[in-house]
Amino acid sequence: MGFAETFKALSDGGRREILILLKQGRMSAGEIGSHFDMTGATISYHLNILKKADLVYEQKEKNFVYYELNTSVIEDVMLWLSDLKGA
């Protein structure tokens, strides 16, 4: 994981909203998409960027793909920002 990919993923408001949704627990792409006025392809694009940044996990079960928040990367970013601040 590189911070460049993480900050790129976090730079988009829609992706930040997806992360907020995933705070509630794992969701399928369809469940995530139902909260947005976006095409399935656009949701998939955003989820792929979040996966590349290791901000979400992908788990396949039968005919569904579920996404879950990866809190360890978020903790790493928060620790780095805290160190930068000098707190």
Protein backbone atom coordinates (compact mmCIF):
# COMPACT_ATOMS: atom_id res chain seq x y z
CA MET A 1 0.00 0.00 0.00
CA GLY A 2 1.27 3.42 -0.89
CA PHE A 3 -0.03 6.65 0.46
CA ALA A 4 -0.33 8.03 -3.09
CA GLU A 5 -2.97 5.41 -3.97
CA THR A 6 -4.72 5.94 -0.65
CA PHE A 7 -4.94 9.71 -1.01
CA LYS A 8 -6.04 9.38 -4.66
CA ALA A 9 -8.85 7.07 -3.56
CA LEU A 10 -9.86 9.41 -0.73
CA SER A 11 -9.83 12.47 -3.01
CA ASP A 12 -13.23 11.60 -4.49
CA GLY A 13 -16.39 12.37 -2.53
CA GLY A 14 -18.25 9.37 -3.92
CA ARG A 15 -15.54 6.99 -2.77
CA ARG A 16 -15.54 8.59 0.67
CA GLU A 17 -19.31 8.02 0.81
CA ILE A 18 -18.79 4.35 -0.10
CA LEU A 19 -16.34 4.02 2.80
CA ILE A 20 -18.87 5.61 5.15
CA LEU A 21 -21.50 3.10 3.99
CA LEU A 22 -19.09 0.22 4.59
CA LYS A 23 -18.61 1.36 8.18
CA GLN A 24 -22.00 -0.28 8.80
CA GLY A 25 -20.72 -3.65 7.56
CA ARG A 26 -20.05 -5.55 4.39
CA MET A 27 -22.21 -4.90 1.35
CA SER A 28 -22.57 -6.16 -2.18
CA ALA A 29 -21.91 -3.85 -5.11
CA GLY A 30 -25.64 -3.73 -5.75
CA GLU A 31 -26.37 -2.68 -2.18
CA ILE A 32 -23.72 0.03 -2.41
CA GLY A 33 -25.03 1.18 -5.78
CA SER A 34 -28.57 1.53 -4.45
CA HIS A 35 -27.40 4.51 -2.37
CA PHE A 36 -26.11 6.45 -5.39
CA ASP A 37 -27.34 7.86 -8.67
CA MET A 38 -24.54 6.14 -10.61
CA THR A 39 -24.36 3.32 -13.12
CA GLY A 40 -23.14 -0.09 -12.04
CA ALA A 41 -20.00 0.46 -14.12
CA THR A 42 -19.24 3.69 -12.23
CA ILE A 43 -19.72 1.97 -8.86
CA SER A 44 -17.42 -0.82 -10.04
CA TYR A 45 -14.81 1.75 -11.12
CA HIS A 46 -14.87 3.40 -7.68
CA LEU A 47 -14.71 0.05 -5.88
CA ASN A 48 -11.69 -0.96 -7.97
CA ILE A 49 -9.85 2.21 -6.99
CA LEU A 50 -10.69 1.56 -3.33
CA LYS A 51 -9.44 -2.03 -3.69
CA LYS A 52 -6.16 -0.92 -5.32
CA ALA A 53 -5.63 1.43 -2.37
CA ASP A 54 -6.36 -1.48 0.02
CA LEU A 55 -9.17 0.51 1.61
CA VAL A 56 -11.69 -2.27 0.99
CA TYR A 57 -11.61 -6.06 0.85
CA GLU A 58 -13.47 -8.07 -1.76
CA GLN A 59 -14.99 -11.44 -0.88
CA LYS A 60 -16.81 -13.65 -3.38
CA GLU A 61 -19.68 -15.83 -2.19
CA LYS A 62 -21.63 -17.81 -4.77
CA ASN A 63 -22.98 -15.24 -7.27
CA PHE A 64 -22.22 -12.18 -5.15
CA VAL A 65 -19.17 -10.08 -4.38
CA TYR A 66 -19.12 -8.40 -0.99
CA TYR A 67 -17.01 -5.43 0.02
CA GLU A 68 -15.75 -4.67 3.49
CA LEU A 69 -13.81 -1.77 4.99
CA ASN A 70 -10.09 -2.38 5.63
CA THR A 71 -9.55 -0.41 8.82
CA SER A 72 -5.84 -1.23 9.11
CA VAL A 73 -4.97 1.04 6.16
CA ILE A 74 -7.08 3.83 7.63
CA GLU A 75 -5.28 3.39 10.95
CA ASP A 76 -1.90 3.61 9.15
CA VAL A 77 -2.93 6.89 7.48
CA MET A 78 -4.21 8.31 10.77
CA LEU A 79 -0.97 7.36 12.51
CA TRP A 80 1.11 8.97 9.76
CA LEU A 81 -0.98 12.16 9.90
CA SER A 82 -0.72 12.22 13.68
CA ASP A 83 3.08 11.86 13.47
CA LEU A 84 3.19 14.62 10.88
CA LYS A 85 1.22 16.90 13.14
CA GLY A 86 3.57 16.10 16.02
CA ALA A 87 0.83 14.97 18.39
